[in-house]
Amino acid sequence: MLSTIVVTYPWLTTAALVALLILGPLAGSWLTTRSRITGALLTLSILAVALFTLLPADRDLVVGCTVAWSLPTLGAVELMANLVLFVPPVLLAGILTGRPGTMLLVASGASAVIEVIQAFLPVLGRSCATNDWLANTLGAALGAVLAVAASRLATPKARPGGR
């Protein structure tokens, strides 16, 4: 369903990326002192990742993984969607823990695990692709950068350790 919407309206992924770039640091700086809200939003964003990557699709595939390395571009709807999908969890986890770099590594590892699951469970109807892992990791890196920006925008009192 989501892939149909994204293919029908390819500008949605670009709009989501622009919104995250603009609103991410602003909302993130506000969330630095609101750990309960941040935690709830983080839980929802992780649930969204799980649903969009592991919910069975209506197609049968064989065990395996496509190995290709392409960077997401504004015209590559699926790769851009993969990039955008991992920005919110890392942004929120980076704000909540104060460790955006560590959260980037965790998200990249989680993406690799998702791809392995997709590769070895063809019954899910999901395809494993190294491009997906790369796009997810780039989205996680962007989320980490936005978390750092949010921390810098926050008032000194709101930052962990009062720095």
Protein backbone atom coordinates (compact mmCIF):
# COMPACT_ATOMS: atom_id res chain seq x y z
CA MET A 1 0.00 0.00 0.00
CA LEU A 2 2.71 2.50 0.96
CA SER A 3 4.79 1.64 -2.10
CA THR A 4 1.75 2.26 -4.32
CA ILE A 5 1.23 5.69 -2.76
CA VAL A 6 4.91 6.61 -3.06
CA VAL A 7 5.06 5.49 -6.71
CA THR A 8 1.82 7.34 -7.52
CA TYR A 9 3.05 10.51 -5.82
CA PRO A 10 6.87 10.42 -6.17
CA TRP A 11 7.23 13.96 -4.78
CA LEU A 12 6.17 12.70 -1.32
CA THR A 13 9.61 11.31 -0.47
CA THR A 14 11.30 14.56 -1.44
CA ALA A 15 8.73 16.58 0.53
CA ALA A 16 9.26 14.34 3.56
CA LEU A 17 13.03 14.77 3.30
CA VAL A 18 12.74 18.57 3.08
CA ALA A 19 10.33 18.61 6.04
CA LEU A 20 12.75 16.50 8.10
CA LEU A 21 15.67 18.77 7.21
CA ILE A 22 13.78 21.90 8.24
CA LEU A 23 11.65 20.67 11.12
CA GLY A 24 13.94 17.96 12.51
CA PRO A 25 16.40 20.23 14.34
CA LEU A 26 13.66 22.60 15.50
CA ALA A 27 11.38 19.87 16.85
CA GLY A 28 14.41 18.01 18.17
CA SER A 29 15.62 21.00 20.18
CA TRP A 30 12.16 21.26 21.74
CA LEU A 31 12.21 17.53 22.53
CA THR A 32 15.57 17.65 24.36
CA THR A 33 13.79 18.37 27.65
CA ARG A 34 10.81 16.11 26.98
CA SER A 35 12.12 12.56 27.27
CA ARG A 36 8.69 10.91 27.66
CA ILE A 37 7.38 12.43 24.45
CA THR A 38 10.66 11.69 22.68
CA GLY A 39 10.53 8.07 23.87
CA ALA A 40 6.95 7.66 22.69
CA LEU A 41 7.78 9.13 19.27
CA LEU A 42 10.87 6.91 19.06
CA THR A 43 8.76 3.84 19.78
CA LEU A 44 6.30 4.82 17.04
CA SER A 45 9.10 5.45 14.53
CA ILE A 46 10.70 2.05 15.27
CA LEU A 47 7.31 0.40 14.89
CA ALA A 48 6.91 2.13 11.51
CA VAL A 49 10.31 0.81 10.38
CA ALA A 50 9.33 -2.72 11.43
CA LEU A 51 5.96 -2.52 9.68
CA PHE A 52 7.31 -1.05 6.44
CA THR A 53 10.19 -3.52 6.21
CA LEU A 54 8.85 -6.78 7.65
CA LEU A 55 5.09 -6.75 7.03
CA PRO A 56 4.41 -9.45 4.41
CA ALA A 57 3.90 -8.22 0.85
CA ASP A 58 1.78 -9.99 -1.74
CA ARG A 59 4.55 -11.56 -3.82
CA ASP A 60 6.78 -14.60 -3.67
CA LEU A 61 10.53 -14.30 -3.89
CA VAL A 62 13.46 -16.67 -3.67
CA VAL A 63 16.13 -16.75 -0.98
CA GLY A 64 18.86 -14.27 -1.86
CA CYS A 65 19.94 -10.69 -1.95
CA THR A 66 20.50 -8.25 -4.80
CA VAL A 67 23.95 -6.72 -4.59
CA ALA A 68 24.06 -3.23 -6.11
CA TRP A 69 25.34 0.08 -4.86
CA SER A 70 23.36 3.16 -5.89
CA LEU A 71 22.99 6.40 -4.01
CA PRO A 72 19.45 7.68 -3.48
CA THR A 73 18.45 10.51 -5.79
CA LEU A 74 15.29 12.57 -5.94
CA GLY A 75 14.06 10.42 -8.84
CA ALA A 76 14.73 7.09 -7.12
CA VAL A 77 11.49 6.83 -5.17
CA GLU A 78 12.16 3.52 -3.38
CA LEU A 79 15.70 4.44 -2.34
CA MET A 80 14.55 7.86 -1.12
CA ALA A 81 11.77 6.21 0.88
CA ASN A 82 14.38 3.92 2.48
CA LEU A 83 16.53 6.94 3.32
CA VAL A 84 13.62 8.91 4.82
CA LEU A 85 12.43 5.88 6.84
CA PHE A 86 15.55 5.80 9.03
CA VAL A 87 15.89 9.54 9.73
CA PRO A 88 13.26 9.86 12.52
CA PRO A 89 14.35 6.90 14.67
CA VAL A 90 17.99 8.00 14.74
CA LEU A 91 17.09 11.67 15.23
CA LEU A 92 14.86 10.77 18.19
CA ALA A 93 17.21 8.13 19.65
CA GLY A 94 20.12 10.55 19.31
CA ILE A 95 18.20 13.21 21.21
CA LEU A 96 17.01 10.77 23.87
CA THR A 97 20.41 9.19 24.54
CA GLY A 98 22.69 12.10 23.66
CA ARG A 99 24.68 9.63 21.51
CA PRO A 100 23.71 10.17 17.86
CA GLY A 101 26.85 8.45 16.54
CA THR A 102 26.12 5.30 18.49
CA MET A 103 22.50 5.39 17.34
CA LEU A 104 23.71 5.65 13.73
CA LEU A 105 25.71 2.44 14.19
CA VAL A 106 22.78 0.69 15.87
CA ALA A 107 20.42 1.69 13.04
CA SER A 108 22.87 0.56 10.36
CA GLY A 109 23.17 -2.79 12.11
CA ALA A 110 19.39 -3.06 12.45
CA SER A 111 19.03 -2.35 8.74
CA ALA A 112 21.50 -5.14 7.95
CA VAL A 113 19.50 -7.53 10.16
CA ILE A 114 16.29 -6.51 8.36
CA GLU A 115 17.89 -7.26 4.99
CA VAL A 116 19.10 -10.67 6.21
CA ILE A 117 15.59 -11.49 7.45
CA GLN A 118 14.16 -10.42 4.09
CA ALA A 119 16.76 -12.54 2.27
CA PHE A 120 16.09 -15.74 4.18
CA LEU A 121 12.33 -15.46 4.61
CA PRO A 122 10.98 -15.17 1.04
CA VAL A 123 7.51 -15.88 2.42
CA LEU A 124 7.50 -12.22 3.54
CA GLY A 125 7.51 -11.18 -0.11
CA ARG A 126 10.21 -8.64 0.69
CA SER A 127 13.39 -8.33 -1.33
CA CYS A 128 16.83 -8.06 0.18
CA ALA A 129 19.04 -5.45 -1.46
CA THR A 130 22.31 -3.86 -0.47
CA ASN A 131 20.94 -0.61 -1.91
CA ASP A 132 18.25 -0.65 0.78
CA TRP A 133 20.87 -1.05 3.52
CA LEU A 134 22.93 1.80 2.03
CA ALA A 135 19.91 4.12 1.78
CA ASN A 136 18.80 3.22 5.32
CA THR A 137 22.30 3.89 6.65
CA LEU A 138 22.48 7.24 4.85
CA GLY A 139 19.11 8.13 6.39
CA ALA A 140 20.44 7.11 9.80
CA ALA A 141 23.50 9.32 9.24
CA LEU A 142 21.23 12.23 8.36
CA GLY A 143 19.18 11.54 11.51
CA ALA A 144 22.40 11.65 13.57
CA VAL A 145 23.42 14.97 12.01
CA LEU A 146 19.96 16.40 12.70
CA ALA A 147 20.17 15.19 16.33
CA VAL A 148 23.48 17.05 16.73
CA ALA A 149 21.89 20.16 15.18
CA ALA A 150 18.92 19.85 17.55
CA SER A 151 21.26 19.57 20.52
CA ARG A 152 23.14 22.68 19.42
CA LEU A 153 19.90 24.62 18.99
CA ALA A 154 18.72 23.68 22.48
CA THR A 155 19.45 26.09 25.26
CA PRO A 156 22.55 25.29 27.33
CA LYS A 157 20.33 24.27 30.27
CA ALA A 158 18.48 21.74 28.12
CA ARG A 159 21.57 19.93 26.88
CA PRO A 160 22.71 16.82 28.75
CA GLY A 161 25.29 17.84 31.36
CA GLY A 162 24.32 21.53 31.09
CA ARG A 163 26.93 22.19 28.40
